[in-house]
Amino acid sequence: MGFPKALFENNIEELSSFSRGLSLPVRISILKILIEKRTWVNNEVFSNLPLTIVTRDRHLQALINLGLVENIHQSGTMHYRINQTVFNRMIAEFNQLFELYKN
């Protein structure tokens, strides 16, 4: 007999998903590049990372699935960028969480 699944507020679920996206150094490295570029980029911008193409694509897909990264297929090439709406919302949610500590 298992425990019933706990129901948490949506913002807590989102913070947890966001944190999973940040849980691996390779994902933070990908996100850092996308944040620095602040525009649509193709796979070439990740060429300096010590990753195989398969590993890079797997982690990009995980970030897309979490909603942290957007992608479009254009002119035969996949392009990526930070999902600014989600990032801004998560920044605000984390700030609210950390403000609880200050009080």
N, C-alpha and C. Protein backbone atom coordinates (compact mmCIF):
# COMPACT_ATOMS: atom_id res chain seq x y z
N MET A 1 0.85 -1.17 0.00
CA MET A 1 0.00 0.00 0.00
C MET A 1 0.90 1.24 0.00
N GLY A 2 0.70 2.11 -0.98
CA GLY A 2 1.52 3.31 -1.10
C GLY A 2 0.85 4.51 -0.48
N PHE A 3 1.61 5.56 -0.43
CA PHE A 3 1.09 6.82 0.08
C PHE A 3 0.36 7.54 -1.05
N PRO A 4 -0.71 8.26 -0.71
CA PRO A 4 -1.38 9.04 -1.76
C PRO A 4 -0.46 10.17 -2.22
N LYS A 5 -0.57 10.49 -3.50
CA LYS A 5 0.25 11.57 -4.03
C LYS A 5 -0.17 12.89 -3.39
N ALA A 6 0.79 13.58 -2.86
CA ALA A 6 0.53 14.87 -2.23
C ALA A 6 0.20 15.90 -3.30
N LEU A 7 -0.72 16.74 -3.00
CA LEU A 7 -1.07 17.82 -3.91
C LEU A 7 -0.46 19.11 -3.39
N PHE A 8 0.39 19.68 -4.19
CA PHE A 8 1.05 20.93 -3.82
C PHE A 8 0.53 22.04 -4.71
N GLU A 9 0.72 23.25 -4.26
CA GLU A 9 0.34 24.40 -5.08
C GLU A 9 1.13 24.40 -6.38
N ASN A 10 0.53 24.94 -7.44
CA ASN A 10 1.18 24.95 -8.76
C ASN A 10 2.54 25.61 -8.73
N ASN A 11 2.67 26.72 -7.99
CA ASN A 11 3.96 27.41 -7.99
C ASN A 11 5.05 26.55 -7.33
N ILE A 12 4.68 25.73 -6.37
CA ILE A 12 5.66 24.84 -5.73
C ILE A 12 6.07 23.73 -6.70
N GLU A 13 5.10 23.20 -7.44
CA GLU A 13 5.41 22.19 -8.46
C GLU A 13 6.33 22.78 -9.53
N GLU A 14 6.05 24.02 -9.94
CA GLU A 14 6.88 24.67 -10.96
C GLU A 14 8.29 24.92 -10.46
N LEU A 15 8.42 25.36 -9.20
CA LEU A 15 9.75 25.57 -8.64
C LEU A 15 10.55 24.28 -8.59
N SER A 16 9.86 23.19 -8.28
CA SER A 16 10.51 21.89 -8.25
C SER A 16 10.99 21.49 -9.64
N SER A 17 10.15 21.68 -10.65
CA SER A 17 10.54 21.37 -12.03
C SER A 17 11.71 22.24 -12.47
N PHE A 18 11.65 23.51 -12.15
CA PHE A 18 12.74 24.43 -12.48
C PHE A 18 14.04 23.96 -11.84
N SER A 19 13.96 23.55 -10.58
CA SER A 19 15.14 23.07 -9.86
C SER A 19 15.71 21.81 -10.50
N ARG A 20 14.85 20.93 -10.98
CA ARG A 20 15.33 19.73 -11.68
C ARG A 20 16.12 20.13 -12.92
N GLY A 21 15.66 21.18 -13.60
CA GLY A 21 16.39 21.67 -14.77
C GLY A 21 17.77 22.17 -14.43
N LEU A 22 17.94 22.63 -13.21
CA LEU A 22 19.23 23.16 -12.77
C LEU A 22 20.06 22.13 -12.01
N SER A 23 19.60 20.90 -11.98
CA SER A 23 20.22 19.90 -11.12
C SER A 23 21.50 19.27 -11.68
N LEU A 24 21.83 19.54 -12.91
CA LEU A 24 23.03 18.95 -13.51
C LEU A 24 23.92 20.03 -14.11
N PRO A 25 25.22 19.92 -13.93
CA PRO A 25 26.13 20.93 -14.48
C PRO A 25 25.98 21.14 -15.98
N VAL A 26 25.72 20.08 -16.73
CA VAL A 26 25.57 20.23 -18.18
C VAL A 26 24.36 21.10 -18.51
N ARG A 27 23.29 20.97 -17.76
CA ARG A 27 22.10 21.79 -18.01
C ARG A 27 22.34 23.24 -17.63
N ILE A 28 23.03 23.47 -16.54
CA ILE A 28 23.36 24.84 -16.15
C ILE A 28 24.25 25.47 -17.22
N SER A 29 25.19 24.71 -17.76
CA SER A 29 26.07 25.22 -18.81
C SER A 29 25.28 25.59 -20.06
N ILE A 30 24.33 24.76 -20.44
CA ILE A 30 23.48 25.05 -21.60
C ILE A 30 22.65 26.30 -21.33
N LEU A 31 22.02 26.37 -20.16
CA LEU A 31 21.20 27.52 -19.81
C LEU A 31 22.02 28.80 -19.77
N LYS A 32 23.24 28.72 -19.24
CA LYS A 32 24.11 29.89 -19.15
C LYS A 32 24.41 30.44 -20.55
N ILE A 33 24.69 29.55 -21.49
CA ILE A 33 24.95 29.99 -22.87
C ILE A 33 23.71 30.66 -23.44
N LEU A 34 22.55 30.06 -23.24
CA LEU A 34 21.33 30.64 -23.78
C LEU A 34 20.99 31.98 -23.14
N ILE A 35 21.23 32.10 -21.84
CA ILE A 35 20.99 33.36 -21.15
C ILE A 35 21.92 34.45 -21.69
N GLU A 36 23.19 34.09 -21.88
CA GLU A 36 24.16 35.07 -22.38
C GLU A 36 23.83 35.52 -23.80
N LYS A 37 23.33 34.62 -24.64
CA LYS A 37 23.03 34.96 -26.04
C LYS A 37 21.74 35.77 -26.16
N ARG A 38 20.75 35.48 -25.33
CA ARG A 38 19.47 36.21 -25.31
C ARG A 38 18.76 36.28 -26.65
N THR A 39 18.98 35.31 -27.51
CA THR A 39 18.31 35.25 -28.79
C THR A 39 18.28 33.81 -29.25
N TRP A 40 17.65 33.56 -30.38
CA TRP A 40 17.63 32.20 -30.93
C TRP A 40 19.04 31.82 -31.36
N VAL A 41 19.47 30.61 -31.00
CA VAL A 41 20.79 30.11 -31.38
C VAL A 41 20.66 28.70 -31.92
N ASN A 42 21.62 28.29 -32.74
CA ASN A 42 21.62 26.91 -33.23
C ASN A 42 22.62 26.08 -32.43
N ASN A 43 22.76 24.82 -32.79
CA ASN A 43 23.60 23.88 -32.04
C ASN A 43 25.08 24.28 -31.98
N GLU A 44 25.52 25.10 -32.91
CA GLU A 44 26.95 25.46 -32.96
C GLU A 44 27.41 26.18 -31.69
N VAL A 45 26.52 26.90 -31.01
CA VAL A 45 26.93 27.65 -29.82
C VAL A 45 27.31 26.72 -28.67
N PHE A 46 26.91 25.46 -28.77
CA PHE A 46 27.23 24.50 -27.71
C PHE A 46 28.48 23.69 -28.03
N SER A 47 29.16 24.01 -29.11
CA SER A 47 30.29 23.19 -29.57
C SER A 47 31.46 23.18 -28.59
N ASN A 48 31.59 24.18 -27.74
CA ASN A 48 32.70 24.21 -26.78
C ASN A 48 32.43 23.37 -25.53
N LEU A 49 31.20 22.93 -25.36
CA LEU A 49 30.89 22.08 -24.21
C LEU A 49 31.43 20.67 -24.45
N PRO A 50 31.95 20.03 -23.42
CA PRO A 50 32.51 18.68 -23.59
C PRO A 50 31.41 17.62 -23.62
N LEU A 51 30.58 17.67 -24.67
CA LEU A 51 29.43 16.77 -24.78
C LEU A 51 29.38 16.13 -26.16
N THR A 52 28.88 14.93 -26.19
CA THR A 52 28.56 14.34 -27.48
C THR A 52 27.27 14.97 -27.97
N ILE A 53 27.01 14.84 -29.24
CA ILE A 53 25.78 15.39 -29.81
C ILE A 53 24.56 14.76 -29.16
N VAL A 54 24.62 13.46 -28.91
CA VAL A 54 23.49 12.76 -28.29
C VAL A 54 23.23 13.29 -26.89
N THR A 55 24.28 13.48 -26.11
CA THR A 55 24.13 14.00 -24.74
C THR A 55 23.58 15.41 -24.77
N ARG A 56 24.14 16.24 -25.62
CA ARG A 56 23.66 17.62 -25.74
C ARG A 56 22.17 17.64 -26.09
N ASP A 57 21.78 16.87 -27.08
CA ASP A 57 20.39 16.84 -27.51
C ASP A 57 19.46 16.31 -26.43
N ARG A 58 19.93 15.32 -25.70
CA ARG A 58 19.11 14.74 -24.62
C ARG A 58 18.85 15.79 -23.53
N HIS A 59 19.87 16.56 -23.16
CA HIS A 59 19.70 17.57 -22.13
C HIS A 59 18.90 18.77 -22.63
N LEU A 60 19.10 19.15 -23.87
CA LEU A 60 18.27 20.21 -24.45
C LEU A 60 16.80 19.80 -24.44
N GLN A 61 16.53 18.54 -24.82
CA GLN A 61 15.15 18.06 -24.83
C GLN A 61 14.56 18.06 -23.42
N ALA A 62 15.35 17.69 -22.43
CA ALA A 62 14.87 17.72 -21.04
C ALA A 62 14.52 19.15 -20.63
N LEU A 63 15.34 20.11 -21.01
CA LEU A 63 15.06 21.51 -20.69
C LEU A 63 13.83 22.03 -21.42
N ILE A 64 13.63 21.56 -22.64
CA ILE A 64 12.42 21.90 -23.40
C ILE A 64 11.20 21.31 -22.71
N ASN A 65 11.30 20.05 -22.32
CA ASN A 65 10.18 19.37 -21.66
C ASN A 65 9.80 20.05 -20.34
N LEU A 66 10.78 20.63 -19.65
CA LEU A 66 10.53 21.34 -18.40
C LEU A 66 10.01 22.77 -18.65
N GLY A 67 10.02 23.19 -19.91
CA GLY A 67 9.53 24.52 -20.24
C GLY A 67 10.55 25.63 -20.08
N LEU A 68 11.79 25.28 -19.80
CA LEU A 68 12.83 26.29 -19.58
C LEU A 68 13.43 26.81 -20.88
N VAL A 69 13.34 25.99 -21.93
CA VAL A 69 13.92 26.33 -23.23
C VAL A 69 12.84 26.15 -24.29
N GLU A 70 12.85 27.06 -25.26
CA GLU A 70 11.97 26.97 -26.42
C GLU A 70 12.80 26.55 -27.63
N ASN A 71 12.16 25.92 -28.59
CA ASN A 71 12.87 25.54 -29.80
C ASN A 71 11.98 25.74 -31.02
N ILE A 72 12.63 26.03 -32.16
CA ILE A 72 11.95 26.11 -33.44
C ILE A 72 12.84 25.48 -34.49
N HIS A 73 12.22 24.91 -35.49
CA HIS A 73 12.94 24.34 -36.62
C HIS A 73 12.82 25.33 -37.76
N GLN A 74 13.98 25.82 -38.22
CA GLN A 74 13.97 26.86 -39.24
C GLN A 74 15.08 26.61 -40.25
N SER A 75 14.74 26.59 -41.49
CA SER A 75 15.71 26.40 -42.58
C SER A 75 16.55 25.15 -42.37
N GLY A 76 15.92 24.07 -41.93
CA GLY A 76 16.62 22.80 -41.75
C GLY A 76 17.48 22.71 -40.50
N THR A 77 17.41 23.71 -39.63
CA THR A 77 18.22 23.74 -38.42
C THR A 77 17.34 24.01 -37.20
N MET A 78 17.66 23.35 -36.10
CA MET A 78 16.94 23.58 -34.85
C MET A 78 17.58 24.78 -34.14
N HIS A 79 16.74 25.66 -33.62
CA HIS A 79 17.18 26.84 -32.88
C HIS A 79 16.56 26.81 -31.49
N TYR A 80 17.30 27.38 -30.53
CA TYR A 80 16.88 27.33 -29.12
C TYR A 80 17.03 28.71 -28.49
N ARG A 81 16.22 28.94 -27.46
CA ARG A 81 16.38 30.14 -26.63
C ARG A 81 15.73 29.87 -25.27
N ILE A 82 16.10 30.71 -24.31
CA ILE A 82 15.49 30.65 -22.98
C ILE A 82 14.02 31.02 -23.11
N ASN A 83 13.17 30.33 -22.38
CA ASN A 83 11.77 30.72 -22.29
C ASN A 83 11.70 31.83 -21.25
N GLN A 84 11.72 33.07 -21.72
CA GLN A 84 11.81 34.23 -20.82
C GLN A 84 10.61 34.32 -19.88
N THR A 85 9.44 33.96 -20.34
CA THR A 85 8.25 34.01 -19.50
C THR A 85 8.41 33.09 -18.30
N VAL A 86 8.85 31.87 -18.54
CA VAL A 86 9.03 30.90 -17.45
C VAL A 86 10.16 31.35 -16.54
N PHE A 87 11.28 31.80 -17.11
CA PHE A 87 12.41 32.23 -16.28
C PHE A 87 12.02 33.41 -15.39
N ASN A 88 11.34 34.38 -15.93
CA ASN A 88 10.95 35.53 -15.12
C ASN A 88 10.00 35.12 -14.00
N ARG A 89 9.08 34.21 -14.30
CA ARG A 89 8.16 33.73 -13.27
C ARG A 89 8.91 32.97 -12.19
N MET A 90 9.89 32.15 -12.56
CA MET A 90 10.65 31.38 -11.58
C MET A 90 11.53 32.28 -10.73
N ILE A 91 12.10 33.31 -11.34
CA ILE A 91 12.89 34.27 -10.56
C ILE A 91 12.02 34.91 -9.49
N ALA A 92 10.82 35.31 -9.87
CA ALA A 92 9.89 35.93 -8.91
C ALA A 92 9.50 34.94 -7.82
N GLU A 93 9.23 33.69 -8.18
CA GLU A 93 8.84 32.68 -7.19
C GLU A 93 9.98 32.38 -6.22
N PHE A 94 11.20 32.25 -6.74
CA PHE A 94 12.34 32.00 -5.85
C PHE A 94 12.59 33.21 -4.95
N ASN A 95 12.45 34.41 -5.49
CA ASN A 95 12.62 35.60 -4.65
C ASN A 95 11.62 35.61 -3.51
N GLN A 96 10.37 35.24 -3.79
CA GLN A 96 9.36 35.17 -2.73
C GLN A 96 9.73 34.11 -1.69
N LEU A 97 10.21 32.98 -2.15
CA LEU A 97 10.61 31.90 -1.23
C LEU A 97 11.76 32.37 -0.34
N PHE A 98 12.77 32.99 -0.93
CA PHE A 98 13.93 33.41 -0.17
C PHE A 98 13.60 34.59 0.76
N GLU A 99 12.63 35.39 0.39
CA GLU A 99 12.20 36.49 1.26
C GLU A 99 11.61 35.94 2.56
N LEU A 100 10.99 34.76 2.50
CA LEU A 100 10.45 34.14 3.73
C LEU A 100 11.57 33.91 4.74
N TYR A 101 12.75 33.59 4.27
CA TYR A 101 13.89 33.34 5.14
C TYR A 101 14.34 34.62 5.84
N LYS A 102 14.30 35.71 5.11
CA LYS A 102 14.76 36.98 5.65
C LYS A 102 13.87 37.46 6.78
N ASN A 103 12.59 37.16 6.69
CA ASN A 103 11.62 37.66 7.70
C ASN A 103 11.65 36.87 8.92
